[in-house]
Amino acid sequence: HQITEDVEAKLMERYSPVRVIIHVEPPSYQENHISFG
């Protein structure tokens, strides 16, 4: 939770006003696609 709060704070500092929704996943999860497509 604290890590996601830190990410949100960084994004808000850069792009405010912004609303951020983060889905947290465990360290074992693997995914190579940064975004859709």
PDB file of all heavy atoms in Angstrom:
ATOM      1  N   HIS A   1       0.826  -1.211   0.000  1.00  0.00           N
ATOM      2  CA  HIS A   1       0.000   0.000   0.000  1.00  0.00           C
ATOM      3  C   HIS A   1       0.859   1.259   0.000  1.00  0.00           C
ATOM      4  O   HIS A   1       0.586   2.221  -0.728  1.00  0.00           O
ATOM      5  CB  HIS A   1      -0.924  -0.017   1.219  1.00  0.00           C
ATOM      6  CG  HIS A   1      -1.694   1.259   1.395  1.00  0.00           C
ATOM      7  ND1 HIS A   1      -2.735   1.625   0.584  1.00  0.00           N
ATOM      8  CD2 HIS A   1      -1.540   2.281   2.294  1.00  0.00           C
ATOM      9  CE1 HIS A   1      -3.209   2.795   0.972  1.00  0.00           C
ATOM     10  NE2 HIS A   1      -2.498   3.213   2.004  1.00  0.00           N
ATOM     11  N   GLN A   2       1.921   1.264   0.792  1.00  0.00           N
ATOM     12  CA  GLN A   2       2.791   2.434   0.864  1.00  0.00           C
ATOM     13  C   GLN A   2       3.500   2.680  -0.469  1.00  0.00           C
ATOM     14  O   GLN A   2       3.678   3.826  -0.901  1.00  0.00           O
ATOM     15  CB  GLN A   2       3.828   2.253   1.972  1.00  0.00           C
ATOM     16  CG  GLN A   2       4.706   3.475   2.204  1.00  0.00           C
ATOM     17  CD  GLN A   2       3.895   4.726   2.501  1.00  0.00           C
ATOM     18  OE1 GLN A   2       3.083   4.722   3.422  1.00  0.00           O
ATOM     19  NE2 GLN A   2       4.109   5.794   1.730  1.00  0.00           N
ATOM     20  N   ILE A   3       3.896   1.591  -1.141  1.00  0.00           N
ATOM     21  CA  ILE A   3       4.551   1.732  -2.454  1.00  0.00           C
ATOM     22  C   ILE A   3       3.592   2.363  -3.456  1.00  0.00           C
ATOM     23  O   ILE A   3       3.971   3.271  -4.221  1.00  0.00           O
ATOM     24  CB  ILE A   3       5.044   0.360  -2.961  1.00  0.00           C
ATOM     25  CG1 ILE A   3       6.185  -0.152  -2.064  1.00  0.00           C
ATOM     26  CG2 ILE A   3       5.532   0.461  -4.412  1.00  0.00           C
ATOM     27  CD1 ILE A   3       6.599  -1.583  -2.360  1.00  0.00           C
ATOM     28  N   THR A   4       2.347   1.907  -3.456  1.00  0.00           N
ATOM     29  CA  THR A   4       1.359   2.488  -4.386  1.00  0.00           C
ATOM     30  C   THR A   4       1.092   3.958  -4.054  1.00  0.00           C
ATOM     31  O   THR A   4       0.895   4.775  -4.955  1.00  0.00           O
ATOM     32  CB  THR A   4       0.036   1.702  -4.360  1.00  0.00           C
ATOM     33  OG1 THR A   4      -0.536   1.757  -3.048  1.00  0.00           O
ATOM     34  CG2 THR A   4       0.244   0.257  -4.766  1.00  0.00           C
ATOM     35  N   GLU A   5       1.093   4.292  -2.766  1.00  0.00           N
ATOM     36  CA  GLU A   5       0.915   5.694  -2.367  1.00  0.00           C
ATOM     37  C   GLU A   5       2.065   6.552  -2.903  1.00  0.00           C
ATOM     38  O   GLU A   5       1.853   7.682  -3.358  1.00  0.00           O
ATOM     39  CB  GLU A   5       0.870   5.799  -0.836  1.00  0.00           C
ATOM     40  CG  GLU A   5      -0.390   5.244  -0.204  1.00  0.00           C
ATOM     41  CD  GLU A   5      -1.581   6.163  -0.394  1.00  0.00           C
ATOM     42  OE1 GLU A   5      -1.465   7.361  -0.085  1.00  0.00           O
ATOM     43  OE2 GLU A   5      -2.628   5.673  -0.871  1.00  0.00           O
ATOM     44  N   ASP A   6       3.274   6.007  -2.854  1.00  0.00           N
ATOM     45  CA  ASP A   6       4.436   6.735  -3.367  1.00  0.00           C
ATOM     46  C   ASP A   6       4.336   6.938  -4.880  1.00  0.00           C
ATOM     47  O   ASP A   6       4.695   8.008  -5.399  1.00  0.00           O
ATOM     48  CB  ASP A   6       5.722   5.979  -3.024  1.00  0.00           C
ATOM     49  CG  ASP A   6       6.003   5.954  -1.523  1.00  0.00           C
ATOM     50  OD1 ASP A   6       5.411   6.780  -0.803  1.00  0.00           O
ATOM     51  OD2 ASP A   6       6.796   5.092  -1.083  1.00  0.00           O
ATOM     52  N   VAL A   7       3.859   5.907  -5.592  1.00  0.00           N
ATOM     53  CA  VAL A   7       3.686   6.025  -7.046  1.00  0.00           C
ATOM     54  C   VAL A   7       2.638   7.086  -7.358  1.00  0.00           C
ATOM     55  O   VAL A   7       2.817   7.936  -8.243  1.00  0.00           O
ATOM     56  CB  VAL A   7       3.290   4.664  -7.657  1.00  0.00           C
ATOM     57  CG1 VAL A   7       2.909   4.840  -9.131  1.00  0.00           C
ATOM     58  CG2 VAL A   7       4.430   3.661  -7.526  1.00  0.00           C
ATOM     59  N   GLU A   8       1.517   7.052  -6.638  1.00  0.00           N
ATOM     60  CA  GLU A   8       0.461   8.042  -6.849  1.00  0.00           C
ATOM     61  C   GLU A   8       0.976   9.458  -6.596  1.00  0.00           C
ATOM     62  O   GLU A   8       0.666  10.384  -7.352  1.00  0.00           O
ATOM     63  CB  GLU A   8      -0.723   7.748  -5.923  1.00  0.00           C
ATOM     64  CG  GLU A   8      -1.528   6.523  -6.317  1.00  0.00           C
ATOM     65  CD  GLU A   8      -2.704   6.289  -5.384  1.00  0.00           C
ATOM     66  OE1 GLU A   8      -2.996   7.182  -4.559  1.00  0.00           O
ATOM     67  OE2 GLU A   8      -3.325   5.217  -5.465  1.00  0.00           O
ATOM     68  N   ALA A   9       1.755   9.616  -5.530  1.00  0.00           N
ATOM     69  CA  ALA A   9       2.288  10.943  -5.210  1.00  0.00           C
ATOM     70  C   ALA A   9       3.190  11.465  -6.329  1.00  0.00           C
ATOM     71  O   ALA A   9       3.133  12.653  -6.684  1.00  0.00           O
ATOM     72  CB  ALA A   9       3.053  10.882  -3.891  1.00  0.00           C
ATOM     73  N   LYS A  10       4.018  10.581  -6.891  1.00  0.00           N
ATOM     74  CA  LYS A  10       4.906  10.978  -7.996  1.00  0.00           C
ATOM     75  C   LYS A  10       4.094  11.408  -9.221  1.00  0.00           C
ATOM     76  O   LYS A  10       4.423  12.408  -9.885  1.00  0.00           O
ATOM     77  CB  LYS A  10       5.809   9.805  -8.365  1.00  0.00           C
ATOM     78  CG  LYS A  10       6.951   9.555  -7.394  1.00  0.00           C
ATOM     79  CD  LYS A  10       8.218  10.259  -7.868  1.00  0.00           C
ATOM     80  CE  LYS A  10       9.416   9.833  -7.052  1.00  0.00           C
ATOM     81  NZ  LYS A  10      10.655  10.496  -7.523  1.00  0.00           N
ATOM     82  N   LEU A  11       3.063  10.639  -9.533  1.00  0.00           N
ATOM     83  CA  LEU A  11       2.235  10.953 -10.698  1.00  0.00           C
ATOM     84  C   LEU A  11       1.452  12.242 -10.482  1.00  0.00           C
ATOM     85  O   LEU A  11       1.282  13.043 -11.407  1.00  0.00           O
ATOM     86  CB  LEU A  11       1.285   9.792 -11.003  1.00  0.00           C
ATOM     87  CG  LEU A  11       1.964   8.515 -11.519  1.00  0.00           C
ATOM     88  CD1 LEU A  11       0.976   7.353 -11.553  1.00  0.00           C
ATOM     89  CD2 LEU A  11       2.544   8.740 -12.915  1.00  0.00           C
ATOM     90  N   MET A  12       0.958  12.445  -9.257  1.00  0.00           N
ATOM     91  CA  MET A  12       0.224  13.681  -8.965  1.00  0.00           C
ATOM     92  C   MET A  12       1.136  14.892  -9.042  1.00  0.00           C
ATOM     93  O   MET A  12       0.738  15.959  -9.502  1.00  0.00           O
ATOM     94  CB  MET A  12      -0.418  13.585  -7.579  1.00  0.00           C
ATOM     95  CG  MET A  12      -1.595  12.627  -7.511  1.00  0.00           C
ATOM     96  SD  MET A  12      -2.295  12.518  -5.843  1.00  0.00           S
ATOM     97  CE  MET A  12      -3.585  11.281  -6.115  1.00  0.00           C
ATOM     98  N   GLU A  13       2.369  14.721  -8.587  1.00  0.00           N
ATOM     99  CA  GLU A  13       3.338  15.815  -8.661  1.00  0.00           C
ATOM    100  C   GLU A  13       3.623  16.216 -10.109  1.00  0.00           C
ATOM    101  O   GLU A  13       3.792  17.391 -10.424  1.00  0.00           O
ATOM    102  CB  GLU A  13       4.633  15.386  -7.977  1.00  0.00           C
ATOM    103  CG  GLU A  13       5.724  16.444  -7.988  1.00  0.00           C
ATOM    104  CD  GLU A  13       7.017  15.950  -7.369  1.00  0.00           C
ATOM    105  OE1 GLU A  13       7.045  14.811  -6.862  1.00  0.00           O
ATOM    106  OE2 GLU A  13       8.009  16.697  -7.402  1.00  0.00           O
ATOM    107  N   ARG A  14       3.621  15.234 -10.994  1.00  0.00           N
ATOM    108  CA  ARG A  14       3.956  15.489 -12.397  1.00  0.00           C
ATOM    109  C   ARG A  14       2.748  15.917 -13.224  1.00  0.00           C
ATOM    110  O   ARG A  14       2.869  16.781 -14.095  1.00  0.00           O
ATOM    111  CB  ARG A  14       4.585  14.219 -12.996  1.00  0.00           C
ATOM    112  CG  ARG A  14       4.904  14.306 -14.481  1.00  0.00           C
ATOM    113  CD  ARG A  14       5.976  15.342 -14.755  1.00  0.00           C
ATOM    114  NE  ARG A  14       6.293  15.412 -16.152  1.00  0.00           N
ATOM    115  CZ  ARG A  14       5.604  16.115 -17.053  1.00  0.00           C
ATOM    116  NH1 ARG A  14       4.549  16.829 -16.663  1.00  0.00           N
ATOM    117  NH2 ARG A  14       5.966  16.143 -18.314  1.00  0.00           N
ATOM    118  N   TYR A  15       1.551  15.331 -12.963  1.00  0.00           N
ATOM    119  CA  TYR A  15       0.419  15.529 -13.870  1.00  0.00           C
ATOM    120  C   TYR A  15      -0.827  16.105 -13.206  1.00  0.00           C
ATOM    121  O   TYR A  15      -1.893  16.080 -13.795  1.00  0.00           O
ATOM    122  CB  TYR A  15       0.047  14.194 -14.535  1.00  0.00           C
ATOM    123  CG  TYR A  15       1.143  13.606 -15.377  1.00  0.00           C
ATOM    124  CD1 TYR A  15       1.767  12.418 -15.006  1.00  0.00           C
ATOM    125  CD2 TYR A  15       1.566  14.231 -16.545  1.00  0.00           C
ATOM    126  CE1 TYR A  15       2.780  11.859 -15.780  1.00  0.00           C
ATOM    127  CE2 TYR A  15       2.577  13.688 -17.324  1.00  0.00           C
ATOM    128  CZ  TYR A  15       3.172  12.505 -16.940  1.00  0.00           C
ATOM    129  OH  TYR A  15       4.174  11.959 -17.705  1.00  0.00           O
ATOM    130  N   SER A  16      -0.724  16.638 -12.005  1.00  0.00           N
ATOM    131  CA  SER A  16      -1.895  17.152 -11.293  1.00  0.00           C
ATOM    132  C   SER A  16      -2.663  18.190 -12.124  1.00  0.00           C
ATOM    133  O   SER A  16      -2.038  18.992 -12.833  1.00  0.00           O
ATOM    134  CB  SER A  16      -1.445  17.778  -9.975  1.00  0.00           C
ATOM    135  OG  SER A  16      -2.542  18.229  -9.233  1.00  0.00           O
ATOM    136  N   PRO A  17      -4.030  18.173 -12.028  1.00  0.00           N
ATOM    137  CA  PRO A  17      -4.868  17.273 -11.247  1.00  0.00           C
ATOM    138  C   PRO A  17      -5.052  15.917 -11.939  1.00  0.00           C
ATOM    139  O   PRO A  17      -5.322  15.868 -13.136  1.00  0.00           O
ATOM    140  CB  PRO A  17      -6.201  18.024 -11.163  1.00  0.00           C
ATOM    141  CG  PRO A  17      -6.248  18.854 -12.403  1.00  0.00           C
ATOM    142  CD  PRO A  17      -4.819  19.235 -12.709  1.00  0.00           C
ATOM    143  N   VAL A  18      -4.892  14.838 -11.166  1.00  0.00           N
ATOM    144  CA  VAL A  18      -4.982  13.497 -11.742  1.00  0.00           C
ATOM    145  C   VAL A  18      -5.572  12.539 -10.710  1.00  0.00           C
ATOM    146  O   VAL A  18      -5.343  12.696  -9.507  1.00  0.00           O
ATOM    147  CB  VAL A  18      -3.585  13.019 -12.208  1.00  0.00           C
ATOM    148  CG1 VAL A  18      -2.615  12.952 -11.036  1.00  0.00           C
ATOM    149  CG2 VAL A  18      -3.655  11.674 -12.913  1.00  0.00           C
ATOM    150  N   ARG A  19      -6.340  11.569 -11.183  1.00  0.00           N
ATOM    151  CA  ARG A  19      -6.839  10.487 -10.343  1.00  0.00           C
ATOM    152  C   ARG A  19      -6.187   9.196 -10.821  1.00  0.00           C
ATOM    153  O   ARG A  19      -6.223   8.879 -12.012  1.00  0.00           O
ATOM    154  CB  ARG A  19      -8.361  10.379 -10.418  1.00  0.00           C
ATOM    155  CG  ARG A  19      -9.073  11.487  -9.655  1.00  0.00           C
ATOM    156  CD  ARG A  19     -10.567  11.470  -9.891  1.00  0.00           C
ATOM    157  NE  ARG A  19     -11.166  10.209  -9.483  1.00  0.00           N
ATOM    158  CZ  ARG A  19     -12.469   9.946  -9.601  1.00  0.00           C
ATOM    159  NH1 ARG A  19     -13.277  10.857 -10.126  1.00  0.00           N
ATOM    160  NH2 ARG A  19     -12.963   8.792  -9.214  1.00  0.00           N
ATOM    161  N   VAL A  20      -5.596   8.450  -9.876  1.00  0.00           N
ATOM    162  CA  VAL A  20      -4.824   7.251 -10.212  1.00  0.00           C
ATOM    163  C   VAL A  20      -5.473   6.024  -9.570  1.00  0.00           C
ATOM    164  O   VAL A  20      -5.782   6.036  -8.376  1.00  0.00           O
ATOM    165  CB  VAL A  20      -3.364   7.375  -9.735  1.00  0.00           C
ATOM    166  CG1 VAL A  20      -2.555   6.159 -10.195  1.00  0.00           C
ATOM    167  CG2 VAL A  20      -2.736   8.669 -10.234  1.00  0.00           C
ATOM    168  N   ILE A  21      -5.663   4.994 -10.367  1.00  0.00           N
ATOM    169  CA  ILE A  21      -6.156   3.707  -9.876  1.00  0.00           C
ATOM    170  C   ILE A  21      -5.074   2.667 -10.140  1.00  0.00           C
ATOM    171  O   ILE A  21      -4.654   2.478 -11.289  1.00  0.00           O
ATOM    172  CB  ILE A  21      -7.462   3.295 -10.566  1.00  0.00           C
ATOM    173  CG1 ILE A  21      -8.563   4.325 -10.276  1.00  0.00           C
ATOM    174  CG2 ILE A  21      -7.902   1.900 -10.096  1.00  0.00           C
ATOM    175  CD1 ILE A  21      -9.861   4.048 -11.019  1.00  0.00           C
ATOM    176  N   ILE A  22      -4.620   1.987  -9.068  1.00  0.00           N
ATOM    177  CA  ILE A  22      -3.528   1.019  -9.183  1.00  0.00           C
ATOM    178  C   ILE A  22      -3.989  -0.351  -8.694  1.00  0.00           C
ATOM    179  O   ILE A  22      -4.519  -0.480  -7.586  1.00  0.00           O
ATOM    180  CB  ILE A  22      -2.296   1.472  -8.368  1.00  0.00           C
ATOM    181  CG1 ILE A  22      -1.778   2.812  -8.908  1.00  0.00           C
ATOM    182  CG2 ILE A  22      -1.193   0.411  -8.431  1.00  0.00           C
ATOM    183  CD1 ILE A  22      -0.593   3.366  -8.123  1.00  0.00           C
ATOM    184  N   HIS A  23      -3.795  -1.343  -9.542  1.00  0.00           N
ATOM    185  CA  HIS A  23      -4.055  -2.742  -9.168  1.00  0.00           C
ATOM    186  C   HIS A  23      -2.717  -3.382  -8.796  1.00  0.00           C
ATOM    187  O   HIS A  23      -1.815  -3.485  -9.619  1.00  0.00           O
ATOM    188  CB  HIS A  23      -4.699  -3.502 -10.335  1.00  0.00           C
ATOM    189  CG  HIS A  23      -4.953  -4.937 -10.055  1.00  0.00           C
ATOM    190  ND1 HIS A  23      -6.014  -5.378  -9.299  1.00  0.00           N
ATOM    191  CD2 HIS A  23      -4.270  -6.050 -10.420  1.00  0.00           C
ATOM    192  CE1 HIS A  23      -5.985  -6.694  -9.224  1.00  0.00           C
ATOM    193  NE2 HIS A  23      -4.933  -7.129  -9.887  1.00  0.00           N
ATOM    194  N   VAL A  24      -2.594  -3.788  -7.529  1.00  0.00           N
ATOM    195  CA  VAL A  24      -1.329  -4.325  -7.026  1.00  0.00           C
ATOM    196  C   VAL A  24      -1.230  -5.821  -7.298  1.00  0.00           C
ATOM    197  O   VAL A  24      -2.201  -6.566  -7.115  1.00  0.00           O
ATOM    198  CB  VAL A  24      -1.192  -4.060  -5.510  1.00  0.00           C
ATOM    199  CG1 VAL A  24       0.124  -4.632  -4.992  1.00  0.00           C
ATOM    200  CG2 VAL A  24      -1.275  -2.570  -5.224  1.00  0.00           C
ATOM    201  N   GLU A  25      -0.019  -6.255  -7.718  1.00  0.00           N
ATOM    202  CA  GLU A  25       0.223  -7.665  -7.997  1.00  0.00           C
ATOM    203  C   GLU A  25       1.497  -8.130  -7.274  1.00  0.00           C
ATOM    204  O   GLU A  25       2.389  -7.313  -7.003  1.00  0.00           O
ATOM    205  CB  GLU A  25       0.342  -7.883  -9.509  1.00  0.00           C
ATOM    206  CG  GLU A  25      -1.001  -7.657 -10.202  1.00  0.00           C
ATOM    207  CD  GLU A  25      -0.896  -7.599 -11.719  1.00  0.00           C
ATOM    208  OE1 GLU A  25       0.202  -7.312 -12.221  1.00  0.00           O
ATOM    209  OE2 GLU A  25      -1.914  -7.805 -12.377  1.00  0.00           O
ATOM    210  N   PRO A  26       1.576  -9.419  -6.947  1.00  0.00           N
ATOM    211  CA  PRO A  26       2.717  -9.944  -6.180  1.00  0.00           C
ATOM    212  C   PRO A  26       3.994  -9.997  -7.016  1.00  0.00           C
ATOM    213  O   PRO A  26       3.949  -9.917  -8.247  1.00  0.00           O
ATOM    214  CB  PRO A  26       2.250 -11.354  -5.802  1.00  0.00           C
ATOM    215  CG  PRO A  26       1.300 -11.734  -6.886  1.00  0.00           C
ATOM    216  CD  PRO A  26       0.583 -10.463  -7.260  1.00  0.00           C
ATOM    217  N   PRO A  27       5.154 -10.178  -6.368  1.00  0.00           N
ATOM    218  CA  PRO A  27       6.434 -10.170  -7.086  1.00  0.00           C
ATOM    219  C   PRO A  27       6.588 -11.281  -8.109  1.00  0.00           C
ATOM    220  O   PRO A  27       7.389 -11.164  -9.040  1.00  0.00           O
ATOM    221  CB  PRO A  27       7.476 -10.296  -5.977  1.00  0.00           C
ATOM    222  CG  PRO A  27       6.747 -10.520  -4.716  1.00  0.00           C
ATOM    223  CD  PRO A  27       5.310 -10.250  -4.922  1.00  0.00           C
ATOM    224  N   SER A  28       5.809 -12.368  -7.958  1.00  0.00           N
ATOM    225  CA  SER A  28       5.933 -13.493  -8.888  1.00  0.00           C
ATOM    226  C   SER A  28       5.210 -13.251 -10.214  1.00  0.00           C
ATOM    227  O   SER A  28       5.397 -13.996 -11.177  1.00  0.00           O
ATOM    228  CB  SER A  28       5.367 -14.772  -8.241  1.00  0.00           C
ATOM    229  OG  SER A  28       4.001 -14.582  -7.888  1.00  0.00           O
ATOM    230  N   TYR A  29       4.395 -12.203 -10.297  1.00  0.00           N
ATOM    231  CA  TYR A  29       3.604 -11.964 -11.508  1.00  0.00           C
ATOM    232  C   TYR A  29       4.503 -11.473 -12.638  1.00  0.00           C
ATOM    233  O   TYR A  29       5.382 -10.625 -12.427  1.00  0.00           O
ATOM    234  CB  TYR A  29       2.513 -10.931 -11.235  1.00  0.00           C
ATOM    235  CG  TYR A  29       1.485 -10.838 -12.340  1.00  0.00           C
ATOM    236  CD1 TYR A  29       0.352 -11.648 -12.333  1.00  0.00           C
ATOM    237  CD2 TYR A  29       1.663  -9.949 -13.404  1.00  0.00           C
ATOM    238  CE1 TYR A  29      -0.587 -11.566 -13.356  1.00  0.00           C
ATOM    239  CE2 TYR A  29       0.732  -9.869 -14.433  1.00  0.00           C
ATOM    240  CZ  TYR A  29      -0.390 -10.682 -14.395  1.00  0.00           C
ATOM    241  OH  TYR A  29      -1.314 -10.607 -15.411  1.00  0.00           O
ATOM    242  N   GLN A  30       4.275 -11.988 -13.843  1.00  0.00           N
ATOM    243  CA  GLN A  30       5.081 -11.629 -15.018  1.00  0.00           C
ATOM    244  C   GLN A  30       4.192 -11.036 -16.110  1.00  0.00           C
ATOM    245  O   GLN A  30       3.143 -11.610 -16.432  1.00  0.00           O
ATOM    246  CB  GLN A  30       5.816 -12.862 -15.567  1.00  0.00           C
ATOM    247  CG  GLN A  30       6.779 -13.508 -14.588  1.00  0.00           C
ATOM    248  CD  GLN A  30       7.964 -12.605 -14.290  1.00  0.00           C
ATOM    249  OE1 GLN A  30       8.457 -11.900 -15.177  1.00  0.00           O
ATOM    250  NE2 GLN A  30       8.426 -12.626 -13.044  1.00  0.00           N
ATOM    251  N   GLU A  31       4.588  -9.921 -16.659  1.00  0.00           N
ATOM    252  CA  GLU A  31       3.846  -9.281 -17.763  1.00  0.00           C
ATOM    253  C   GLU A  31       4.787  -8.329 -18.479  1.00  0.00           C
ATOM    254  O   GLU A  31       5.442  -7.491 -17.844  1.00  0.00           O
ATOM    255  CB  GLU A  31       2.637  -8.520 -17.221  1.00  0.00           C
ATOM    256  CG  GLU A  31       1.881  -7.744 -18.284  1.00  0.00           C
ATOM    257  CD  GLU A  31       1.311  -8.618 -19.386  1.00  0.00           C
ATOM    258  OE1 GLU A  31       0.502  -9.522 -19.076  1.00  0.00           O
ATOM    259  OE2 GLU A  31       1.708  -8.412 -20.556  1.00  0.00           O
ATOM    260  N   ASN A  32       4.862  -8.447 -19.812  1.00  0.00           N
ATOM    261  CA  ASN A  32       5.801  -7.649 -20.597  1.00  0.00           C
ATOM    262  C   ASN A  32       5.161  -6.447 -21.291  1.00  0.00           C
ATOM    263  O   ASN A  32       5.867  -5.572 -21.792  1.00  0.00           O
ATOM    264  CB  ASN A  32       6.488  -8.516 -21.651  1.00  0.00           C
ATOM    265  CG  ASN A  32       7.353  -9.594 -21.006  1.00  0.00           C
ATOM    266  OD1 ASN A  32       8.002  -9.335 -19.994  1.00  0.00           O
ATOM    267  ND2 ASN A  32       7.346 -10.794 -21.584  1.00  0.00           N
ATOM    268  N   HIS A  33       3.833  -6.405 -21.347  1.00  0.00           N
ATOM    269  CA  HIS A  33       3.162  -5.335 -22.092  1.00  0.00           C
ATOM    270  C   HIS A  33       2.960  -4.116 -21.195  1.00  0.00           C
ATOM    271  O   HIS A  33       2.226  -4.177 -20.193  1.00  0.00           O
ATOM    272  CB  HIS A  33       1.824  -5.823 -22.625  1.00  0.00           C
ATOM    273  CG  HIS A  33       1.936  -6.882 -23.664  1.00  0.00           C
ATOM    274  ND1 HIS A  33       2.370  -6.652 -24.947  1.00  0.00           N
ATOM    275  CD2 HIS A  33       1.703  -8.223 -23.598  1.00  0.00           C
ATOM    276  CE1 HIS A  33       2.401  -7.782 -25.642  1.00  0.00           C
ATOM    277  NE2 HIS A  33       1.995  -8.751 -24.848  1.00  0.00           N
ATOM    278  N   ILE A  34       3.601  -3.024 -21.538  1.00  0.00           N
ATOM    279  CA  ILE A  34       3.462  -1.794 -20.756  1.00  0.00           C
ATOM    280  C   ILE A  34       2.023  -1.289 -20.820  1.00  0.00           C
ATOM    281  O   ILE A  34       1.432  -0.896 -19.812  1.00  0.00           O
ATOM    282  CB  ILE A  34       4.419  -0.703 -21.270  1.00  0.00           C
ATOM    283  CG1 ILE A  34       5.868  -1.108 -20.995  1.00  0.00           C
ATOM    284  CG2 ILE A  34       4.133   0.630 -20.596  1.00  0.00           C
ATOM    285  CD1 ILE A  34       6.879  -0.111 -21.508  1.00  0.00           C
ATOM    286  N   SER A  35       1.466  -1.284 -22.019  1.00  0.00           N
ATOM    287  CA  SER A  35       0.107  -0.789 -22.196  1.00  0.00           C
ATOM    288  C   SER A  35      -0.612  -1.637 -23.225  1.00  0.00           C
ATOM    289  O   SER A  35      -0.060  -2.610 -23.748  1.00  0.00           O
ATOM    290  CB  SER A  35       0.138   0.683 -22.640  1.00  0.00           C
ATOM    291  OG  SER A  35      -1.162   1.228 -22.691  1.00  0.00           O
ATOM    292  N   PHE A  36      -1.838  -1.296 -23.506  1.00  0.00           N
ATOM    293  CA  PHE A  36      -2.636  -2.059 -24.459  1.00  0.00           C
ATOM    294  C   PHE A  36      -2.112  -1.825 -25.866  1.00  0.00           C
ATOM    295  O   PHE A  36      -2.025  -0.698 -26.341  1.00  0.00           O
ATOM    296  CB  PHE A  36      -4.100  -1.631 -24.361  1.00  0.00           C
ATOM    297  CG  PHE A  36      -4.665  -1.819 -22.963  1.00  0.00           C
ATOM    298  CD1 PHE A  36      -4.659  -0.775 -22.076  1.00  0.00           C
ATOM    299  CD2 PHE A  36      -5.137  -3.053 -22.559  1.00  0.00           C
ATOM    300  CE1 PHE A  36      -5.158  -0.941 -20.777  1.00  0.00           C
ATOM    301  CE2 PHE A  36      -5.619  -3.243 -21.271  1.00  0.00           C
ATOM    302  CZ  PHE A  36      -5.638  -2.179 -20.380  1.00  0.00           C
ATOM    303  N   GLY A  37      -1.750  -2.915 -26.532  1.00  0.00           N
ATOM    304  CA  GLY A  37      -1.206  -2.827 -27.882  1.00  0.00           C
ATOM    305  C   GLY A  37       0.258  -2.438 -27.908  1.00  0.00           C
ATOM    306  O   GLY A  37       0.825  -2.231 -28.972  1.00  0.00           O
TER     307      GLY A  37
END
